[in-house]
């Protein structure tokens, strides 16, 4: 994991994972601690003062993406070992507080894969405390309220820049409670409101956008897979 200067783009610090595995996802909490998931090691870890502390170790499940909530909980997307189940779990420290997996009819909220295929799911909490998941396997954003009840699914908007199927990856929310997600296939970012209504695209020469985050003054940072670049966008 590498820390770069925003202004110069220069490398400031490098942190190696405890296991030596590739970090699967990471987030910086409000107290500036760095949290990362280790898919192969089945762990969620916190970096404090450059020392790594394991806070969650899973059995029969593997962690994918993680976000830090306004109450300082952690929300973790995860798949079962056979990829036939998928869920979101809320943790306070290492204590499991909530599981979000099924709708009111007992059906899966999130897509499932196979022993050979993992469905990519990124996660973010909105200011209204909705839990927002970009589910590439379902080609949808799945948004539930704080209690885990389904609010809506967003499956894209037409016309779309490249006229290809919606392919969501990174997801974030801004100061207006808008939800932003990259659309990898169509090389753009979708902006929708907190109720799932499409607002507009950000279409500015991105090349396979993947990771996404936003700062406290609504600067958007987009990591691009094809050219290994991070682009800073002022979209308001």
C-alpha atoms as a PDB file:
ATOM      1  CA  UNK A   1       0.000   0.000   0.000  1.00  0.00           C
ATOM      2  CA  UNK A   2       1.450   3.324  -1.036  1.00  0.00           C
ATOM      3  CA  UNK A   3       0.839   6.869   0.177  1.00  0.00           C
ATOM      4  CA  UNK A   4       1.321   9.622  -2.397  1.00  0.00           C
ATOM      5  CA  UNK A   5       1.391  13.401  -2.191  1.00  0.00           C
ATOM      6  CA  UNK A   6      -1.723  14.854  -3.827  1.00  0.00           C
ATOM      7  CA  UNK A   7       0.111  17.951  -5.059  1.00  0.00           C
ATOM      8  CA  UNK A   8       3.343  16.448  -6.373  1.00  0.00           C
ATOM      9  CA  UNK A   9       2.259  12.854  -6.948  1.00  0.00           C
ATOM     10  CA  UNK A  10       5.448  11.741  -5.203  1.00  0.00           C
ATOM     11  CA  UNK A  11       5.644   8.583  -3.105  1.00  0.00           C
ATOM     12  CA  UNK A  12       5.688   9.360   0.624  1.00  0.00           C
ATOM     13  CA  UNK A  13       5.392   5.985   2.294  1.00  0.00           C
ATOM     14  CA  UNK A  14       5.034   2.262   1.565  1.00  0.00           C
ATOM     15  CA  UNK A  15       3.449  -0.279   3.916  1.00  0.00           C
ATOM     16  CA  UNK A  16       3.743  -4.021   3.321  1.00  0.00           C
ATOM     17  CA  UNK A  17       0.875  -6.260   4.398  1.00  0.00           C
ATOM     18  CA  UNK A  18       1.414  -8.496   7.419  1.00  0.00           C
ATOM     19  CA  UNK A  19       0.967 -11.695   5.403  1.00  0.00           C
ATOM     20  CA  UNK A  20       2.787 -10.534   2.293  1.00  0.00           C
ATOM     21  CA  UNK A  21      -0.415 -11.016   0.270  1.00  0.00           C
ATOM     22  CA  UNK A  22      -1.873  -8.360  -1.987  1.00  0.00           C
ATOM     23  CA  UNK A  23      -4.258  -6.052  -0.082  1.00  0.00           C
ATOM     24  CA  UNK A  24      -7.725  -6.498  -1.547  1.00  0.00           C
ATOM     25  CA  UNK A  25      -9.200  -3.181  -0.412  1.00  0.00           C
ATOM     26  CA  UNK A  26      -8.338  -0.316   1.920  1.00  0.00           C
ATOM     27  CA  UNK A  27      -9.875   2.729   3.528  1.00  0.00           C
ATOM     28  CA  UNK A  28      -8.630   5.521   5.788  1.00  0.00           C
ATOM     29  CA  UNK A  29     -10.779   6.129   8.876  1.00  0.00           C
ATOM     30  CA  UNK A  30     -11.564   9.519  10.404  1.00  0.00           C
ATOM     31  CA  UNK A  31      -8.851   8.974  13.034  1.00  0.00           C
ATOM     32  CA  UNK A  32      -6.403   8.420  10.123  1.00  0.00           C
ATOM     33  CA  UNK A  33      -5.959   4.699  10.814  1.00  0.00           C
ATOM     34  CA  UNK A  34      -5.638   2.668   7.622  1.00  0.00           C
ATOM     35  CA  UNK A  35      -7.853  -0.426   7.284  1.00  0.00           C
ATOM     36  CA  UNK A  36      -7.232  -3.109   4.660  1.00  0.00           C
ATOM     37  CA  UNK A  37      -8.647  -6.519   3.791  1.00  0.00           C
ATOM     38  CA  UNK A  38      -6.538  -9.589   3.045  1.00  0.00           C
ATOM     39  CA  UNK A  39      -8.667 -11.928   0.942  1.00  0.00           C
ATOM     40  CA  UNK A  40      -6.236 -14.858   0.989  1.00  0.00           C
ATOM     41  CA  UNK A  41      -5.574 -14.580   4.724  1.00  0.00           C
ATOM     42  CA  UNK A  42      -9.306 -14.050   5.543  1.00  0.00           C
ATOM     43  CA  UNK A  43      -8.504 -11.019   7.676  1.00  0.00           C
ATOM     44  CA  UNK A  44      -9.327  -7.355   8.146  1.00  0.00           C
ATOM     45  CA  UNK A  45      -6.407  -5.361   9.520  1.00  0.00           C
ATOM     46  CA  UNK A  46      -5.747  -1.898  10.922  1.00  0.00           C
ATOM     47  CA  UNK A  47      -2.473  -0.025  10.499  1.00  0.00           C
ATOM     48  CA  UNK A  48      -1.712   2.232  13.480  1.00  0.00           C
ATOM     49  CA  UNK A  49       1.588   4.120  13.568  1.00  0.00           C
ATOM     50  CA  UNK A  50       2.856   1.757  10.860  1.00  0.00           C
ATOM     51  CA  UNK A  51       2.120  -1.296  13.048  1.00  0.00           C
ATOM     52  CA  UNK A  52      -0.422  -3.795  11.699  1.00  0.00           C
ATOM     53  CA  UNK A  53      -3.113  -5.193  13.988  1.00  0.00           C
ATOM     54  CA  UNK A  54      -5.458  -7.981  12.903  1.00  0.00           C
ATOM     55  CA  UNK A  55      -8.989  -7.080  14.042  1.00  0.00           C
ATOM     56  CA  UNK A  56     -11.176  -9.594  12.185  1.00  0.00           C
ATOM     57  CA  UNK A  57     -10.421 -13.161  11.105  1.00  0.00           C
ATOM     58  CA  UNK A  58     -13.115 -15.005   9.165  1.00  0.00           C
ATOM     59  CA  UNK A  59     -13.897 -18.702   8.891  1.00  0.00           C
ATOM     60  CA  UNK A  60     -15.577 -20.135   5.785  1.00  0.00           C
ATOM     61  CA  UNK A  61     -15.812 -16.594   4.380  1.00  0.00           C
ATOM     62  CA  UNK A  62     -13.370 -14.251   2.642  1.00  0.00           C
ATOM     63  CA  UNK A  63     -13.432 -10.449   2.910  1.00  0.00           C
ATOM     64  CA  UNK A  64     -13.687  -8.274  -0.184  1.00  0.00           C
ATOM     65  CA  UNK A  65     -14.183  -4.524   0.197  1.00  0.00           C
ATOM     66  CA  UNK A  66     -14.460  -2.403   3.326  1.00  0.00           C
ATOM     67  CA  UNK A  67     -15.695   1.045   4.302  1.00  0.00           C
ATOM     68  CA  UNK A  68     -15.667   3.041   7.522  1.00  0.00           C
ATOM     69  CA  UNK A  69     -19.029   4.412   8.675  1.00  0.00           C
ATOM     70  CA  UNK A  70     -19.959   7.718  10.300  1.00  0.00           C
ATOM     71  CA  UNK A  71     -20.237   5.857  13.622  1.00  0.00           C
ATOM     72  CA  UNK A  72     -16.726   4.389  13.086  1.00  0.00           C
ATOM     73  CA  UNK A  73     -18.046   0.873  12.443  1.00  0.00           C
ATOM     74  CA  UNK A  74     -16.619  -1.150   9.568  1.00  0.00           C
ATOM     75  CA  UNK A  75     -18.801  -2.515   6.774  1.00  0.00           C
ATOM     76  CA  UNK A  76     -17.244  -5.493   4.978  1.00  0.00           C
ATOM     77  CA  UNK A  77     -18.478  -7.261   1.840  1.00  0.00           C
ATOM     78  CA  UNK A  78     -17.642 -10.942   1.804  1.00  0.00           C
ATOM     79  CA  UNK A  79     -18.243 -14.193  -0.082  1.00  0.00           C
ATOM     80  CA  UNK A  80     -18.411 -17.748   1.206  1.00  0.00           C
ATOM     81  CA  UNK A  81     -15.576 -20.088   0.277  1.00  0.00           C
ATOM     82  CA  UNK A  82     -17.682 -21.728  -2.450  1.00  0.00           C
ATOM     83  CA  UNK A  83     -18.806 -18.271  -3.727  1.00  0.00           C
ATOM     84  CA  UNK A  84     -22.448 -19.341  -3.373  1.00  0.00           C
ATOM     85  CA  UNK A  85     -23.271 -16.793  -0.658  1.00  0.00           C
ATOM     86  CA  UNK A  86     -22.549 -13.095  -0.368  1.00  0.00           C
ATOM     87  CA  UNK A  87     -23.272 -10.634   2.428  1.00  0.00           C
ATOM     88  CA  UNK A  88     -22.354  -7.381   4.139  1.00  0.00           C
ATOM     89  CA  UNK A  89     -21.335  -7.495   7.795  1.00  0.00           C
ATOM     90  CA  UNK A  90     -21.093  -4.541  10.168  1.00  0.00           C
ATOM     91  CA  UNK A  91     -18.402  -4.663  12.839  1.00  0.00           C
ATOM     92  CA  UNK A  92     -17.681  -2.574  15.885  1.00  0.00           C
ATOM     93  CA  UNK A  93     -14.042  -3.399  16.494  1.00  0.00           C
ATOM     94  CA  UNK A  94     -13.969  -7.181  16.092  1.00  0.00           C
ATOM     95  CA  UNK A  95     -17.604  -7.633  17.194  1.00  0.00           C
ATOM     96  CA  UNK A  96     -20.182  -8.487  14.544  1.00  0.00           C
ATOM     97  CA  UNK A  97     -23.194  -6.173  14.928  1.00  0.00           C
ATOM     98  CA  UNK A  98     -25.276  -6.753  11.804  1.00  0.00           C
ATOM     99  CA  UNK A  99     -25.526  -9.032   8.777  1.00  0.00           C
ATOM    100  CA  UNK A 100     -27.170  -7.870   5.541  1.00  0.00           C
ATOM    101  CA  UNK A 101     -27.809 -10.741   3.162  1.00  0.00           C
ATOM    102  CA  UNK A 102     -31.490 -11.306   2.309  1.00  0.00           C
ATOM    103  CA  UNK A 103     -34.496  -9.177   1.367  1.00  0.00           C
ATOM    104  CA  UNK A 104     -37.942  -9.391   2.989  1.00  0.00           C
ATOM    105  CA  UNK A 105     -38.804 -12.413   0.833  1.00  0.00           C
ATOM    106  CA  UNK A 106     -35.672 -14.311   1.813  1.00  0.00           C
ATOM    107  CA  UNK A 107     -33.969 -13.784  -1.539  1.00  0.00           C
ATOM    108  CA  UNK A 108     -30.320 -12.835  -1.870  1.00  0.00           C
ATOM    109  CA  UNK A 109     -29.719  -9.103  -1.960  1.00  0.00           C
ATOM    110  CA  UNK A 110     -26.378  -9.571  -3.697  1.00  0.00           C
ATOM    111  CA  UNK A 111     -25.207 -11.708  -6.592  1.00  0.00           C
ATOM    112  CA  UNK A 112     -23.321 -14.941  -6.030  1.00  0.00           C
ATOM    113  CA  UNK A 113     -20.611 -16.497  -8.147  1.00  0.00           C
ATOM    114  CA  UNK A 114     -19.213 -19.997  -8.578  1.00  0.00           C
ATOM    115  CA  UNK A 115     -16.161 -21.897  -7.275  1.00  0.00           C
ATOM    116  CA  UNK A 116     -14.224 -20.351 -10.175  1.00  0.00           C
ATOM    117  CA  UNK A 117     -15.685 -16.842 -10.296  1.00  0.00           C
ATOM    118  CA  UNK A 118     -15.952 -14.040  -7.714  1.00  0.00           C
ATOM    119  CA  UNK A 119     -18.453 -11.215  -8.140  1.00  0.00           C
ATOM    120  CA  UNK A 120     -16.842  -7.845  -7.443  1.00  0.00           C
ATOM    121  CA  UNK A 121     -18.604  -5.734  -4.796  1.00  0.00           C
ATOM    122  CA  UNK A 122     -17.539  -2.316  -3.513  1.00  0.00           C
ATOM    123  CA  UNK A 123     -19.242  -0.591  -0.589  1.00  0.00           C
ATOM    124  CA  UNK A 124     -19.892   2.883   0.832  1.00  0.00           C
ATOM    125  CA  UNK A 125     -22.160   4.433   3.466  1.00  0.00           C
ATOM    126  CA  UNK A 126     -24.219   7.473   2.487  1.00  0.00           C
ATOM    127  CA  UNK A 127     -24.896  10.455   4.752  1.00  0.00           C
ATOM    128  CA  UNK A 128     -28.460   9.228   5.328  1.00  0.00           C
ATOM    129  CA  UNK A 129     -26.812   5.997   6.621  1.00  0.00           C
ATOM    130  CA  UNK A 130     -27.895   3.913   3.621  1.00  0.00           C
ATOM    131  CA  UNK A 131     -25.471   1.112   2.759  1.00  0.00           C
ATOM    132  CA  UNK A 132     -24.575   1.284  -0.939  1.00  0.00           C
ATOM    133  CA  UNK A 133     -23.008  -1.698  -2.731  1.00  0.00           C
ATOM    134  CA  UNK A 134     -21.864  -1.790  -6.342  1.00  0.00           C
ATOM    135  CA  UNK A 135     -22.533  -5.367  -7.452  1.00  0.00           C
ATOM    136  CA  UNK A 136     -20.870  -6.149 -10.751  1.00  0.00           C
ATOM    137  CA  UNK A 137     -22.333  -9.669 -10.848  1.00  0.00           C
ATOM    138  CA  UNK A 138     -25.835  -8.180 -10.815  1.00  0.00           C
ATOM    139  CA  UNK A 139     -24.794  -5.150 -12.915  1.00  0.00           C
ATOM    140  CA  UNK A 140     -26.482  -3.005 -10.288  1.00  0.00           C
ATOM    141  CA  UNK A 141     -26.096  -0.756  -7.282  1.00  0.00           C
ATOM    142  CA  UNK A 142     -27.919  -2.307  -4.323  1.00  0.00           C
ATOM    143  CA  UNK A 143     -28.917   0.247  -1.686  1.00  0.00           C
ATOM    144  CA  UNK A 144     -30.385  -0.723   1.699  1.00  0.00           C
ATOM    145  CA  UNK A 145     -31.266   1.432   4.675  1.00  0.00           C
ATOM    146  CA  UNK A 146     -29.500   1.332   8.046  1.00  0.00           C
ATOM    147  CA  UNK A 147     -31.697  -1.594   9.120  1.00  0.00           C
ATOM    148  CA  UNK A 148     -30.708  -3.589   6.025  1.00  0.00           C
ATOM    149  CA  UNK A 149     -34.033  -3.213   4.190  1.00  0.00           C
ATOM    150  CA  UNK A 150     -33.815  -2.853   0.413  1.00  0.00           C
ATOM    151  CA  UNK A 151     -34.484   0.714  -0.771  1.00  0.00           C
ATOM    152  CA  UNK A 152     -33.695   0.395  -4.472  1.00  0.00           C
ATOM    153  CA  UNK A 153     -31.546  -1.130  -7.181  1.00  0.00           C
ATOM    154  CA  UNK A 154     -29.968   1.067  -9.829  1.00  0.00           C
ATOM    155  CA  UNK A 155     -29.169  -0.781 -13.058  1.00  0.00           C
ATOM    156  CA  UNK A 156     -27.764   2.028 -15.159  1.00  0.00           C
ATOM    157  CA  UNK A 157     -29.113   4.682 -17.487  1.00  0.00           C
ATOM    158  CA  UNK A 158     -29.475   5.067 -21.236  1.00  0.00           C
ATOM    159  CA  UNK A 159     -28.037   6.364 -23.418  1.00  0.00           C
ATOM    160  CA  UNK A 160     -24.613   5.496 -22.033  1.00  0.00           C
ATOM    161  CA  UNK A 161     -21.309   6.736 -23.530  1.00  0.00           C
ATOM    162  CA  UNK A 162     -20.092   3.443 -25.064  1.00  0.00           C
ATOM    163  CA  UNK A 163     -23.487   1.709 -25.265  1.00  0.00           C
ATOM    164  CA  UNK A 164     -22.128  -1.298 -23.336  1.00  0.00           C
ATOM    165  CA  UNK A 165     -23.658  -3.130 -20.340  1.00  0.00           C
ATOM    166  CA  UNK A 166     -23.424  -1.319 -16.984  1.00  0.00           C
ATOM    167  CA  UNK A 167     -20.303  -2.522 -15.161  1.00  0.00           C
ATOM    168  CA  UNK A 168     -20.063  -0.904 -11.699  1.00  0.00           C
ATOM    169  CA  UNK A 169     -16.873  -1.033  -9.637  1.00  0.00           C
ATOM    170  CA  UNK A 170     -15.749   1.624  -7.137  1.00  0.00           C
ATOM    171  CA  UNK A 171     -18.446   3.542  -5.273  1.00  0.00           C
ATOM    172  CA  UNK A 172     -18.527   6.631  -3.046  1.00  0.00           C
ATOM    173  CA  UNK A 173     -20.920   9.334  -1.825  1.00  0.00           C
ATOM    174  CA  UNK A 174     -20.561  13.103  -1.611  1.00  0.00           C
ATOM    175  CA  UNK A 175     -21.645  16.000   0.633  1.00  0.00           C
ATOM    176  CA  UNK A 176     -25.050  16.167  -1.113  1.00  0.00           C
ATOM    177  CA  UNK A 177     -25.757  12.457  -0.464  1.00  0.00           C
ATOM    178  CA  UNK A 178     -25.271  11.724  -4.158  1.00  0.00           C
ATOM    179  CA  UNK A 179     -23.991   8.252  -4.992  1.00  0.00           C
ATOM    180  CA  UNK A 180     -21.167   7.976  -7.520  1.00  0.00           C
ATOM    181  CA  UNK A 181     -19.978   4.767  -9.139  1.00  0.00           C
ATOM    182  CA  UNK A 182     -17.581   4.039 -11.961  1.00  0.00           C
ATOM    183  CA  UNK A 183     -18.831   2.200 -15.030  1.00  0.00           C
ATOM    184  CA  UNK A 184     -15.757   0.324 -16.193  1.00  0.00           C
ATOM    185  CA  UNK A 185     -17.105  -0.782 -19.600  1.00  0.00           C
ATOM    186  CA  UNK A 186     -18.335   2.676 -20.522  1.00  0.00           C
ATOM    187  CA  UNK A 187     -15.317   4.615 -19.166  1.00  0.00           C
ATOM    188  CA  UNK A 188     -17.415   6.995 -17.093  1.00  0.00           C
ATOM    189  CA  UNK A 189     -18.848   7.731 -13.639  1.00  0.00           C
ATOM    190  CA  UNK A 190     -22.590   7.665 -12.919  1.00  0.00           C
ATOM    191  CA  UNK A 191     -24.032  10.173 -10.423  1.00  0.00           C
ATOM    192  CA  UNK A 192     -27.417   9.351  -8.891  1.00  0.00           C
ATOM    193  CA  UNK A 193     -29.321  10.914  -6.007  1.00  0.00           C
ATOM    194  CA  UNK A 194     -29.958   9.196  -2.672  1.00  0.00           C
ATOM    195  CA  UNK A 195     -33.230   7.764  -4.006  1.00  0.00           C
ATOM    196  CA  UNK A 196     -31.700   6.187  -7.100  1.00  0.00           C
ATOM    197  CA  UNK A 197     -32.580   8.811  -9.712  1.00  0.00           C
ATOM    198  CA  UNK A 198     -29.953   9.332 -12.413  1.00  0.00           C
ATOM    199  CA  UNK A 199     -28.456  12.845 -12.436  1.00  0.00           C
ATOM    200  CA  UNK A 200     -25.609  12.787 -14.944  1.00  0.00           C
ATOM    201  CA  UNK A 201     -22.386  11.191 -16.161  1.00  0.00           C
ATOM    202  CA  UNK A 202     -18.802  12.260 -15.650  1.00  0.00           C
ATOM    203  CA  UNK A 203     -17.306  11.487 -19.055  1.00  0.00           C
ATOM    204  CA  UNK A 204     -13.878  13.083 -19.359  1.00  0.00           C
ATOM    205  CA  UNK A 205     -11.511  10.687 -21.094  1.00  0.00           C
ATOM    206  CA  UNK A 206     -11.287   8.071 -18.349  1.00  0.00           C
ATOM    207  CA  UNK A 207      -9.769   4.719 -19.307  1.00  0.00           C
ATOM    208  CA  UNK A 208     -11.288   1.736 -17.492  1.00  0.00           C
ATOM    209  CA  UNK A 209     -12.024   3.553 -14.220  1.00  0.00           C
ATOM    210  CA  UNK A 210     -11.959   1.197 -11.260  1.00  0.00           C
ATOM    211  CA  UNK A 211     -11.329   2.652  -7.793  1.00  0.00           C
ATOM    212  CA  UNK A 212     -13.168   5.708  -6.533  1.00  0.00           C
ATOM    213  CA  UNK A 213     -13.057   8.003  -3.505  1.00  0.00           C
ATOM    214  CA  UNK A 214     -13.981  11.543  -2.585  1.00  0.00           C
ATOM    215  CA  UNK A 215     -12.474  14.050  -0.150  1.00  0.00           C
ATOM    216  CA  UNK A 216     -14.151  16.427   2.310  1.00  0.00           C
ATOM    217  CA  UNK A 217     -14.607  19.174  -0.303  1.00  0.00           C
ATOM    218  CA  UNK A 218     -15.990  16.898  -3.028  1.00  0.00           C
ATOM    219  CA  UNK A 219     -12.870  16.420  -5.084  1.00  0.00           C
ATOM    220  CA  UNK A 220     -13.247  13.071  -6.816  1.00  0.00           C
ATOM    221  CA  UNK A 221     -10.299  10.698  -7.240  1.00  0.00           C
ATOM    222  CA  UNK A 222     -10.566   7.978  -9.888  1.00  0.00           C
ATOM    223  CA  UNK A 223      -8.062   5.143 -10.242  1.00  0.00           C
ATOM    224  CA  UNK A 224      -7.812   3.958 -13.848  1.00  0.00           C
ATOM    225  CA  UNK A 225      -6.944   0.349 -14.528  1.00  0.00           C
ATOM    226  CA  UNK A 226      -5.676   0.610 -18.106  1.00  0.00           C
ATOM    227  CA  UNK A 227      -3.152   3.437 -17.734  1.00  0.00           C
ATOM    228  CA  UNK A 228      -2.264   3.069 -14.025  1.00  0.00           C
ATOM    229  CA  UNK A 229      -3.192   6.673 -13.314  1.00  0.00           C
ATOM    230  CA  UNK A 230      -5.242   8.414 -10.636  1.00  0.00           C
ATOM    231  CA  UNK A 231      -7.240  11.376 -11.914  1.00  0.00           C
ATOM    232  CA  UNK A 232      -8.519  14.193  -9.667  1.00  0.00           C
ATOM    233  CA  UNK A 233     -11.838  15.648 -10.856  1.00  0.00           C
ATOM    234  CA  UNK A 234     -13.726  18.699  -9.649  1.00  0.00           C
ATOM    235  CA  UNK A 235     -17.216  17.887 -10.892  1.00  0.00           C
ATOM    236  CA  UNK A 236     -19.464  20.452  -9.169  1.00  0.00           C
END
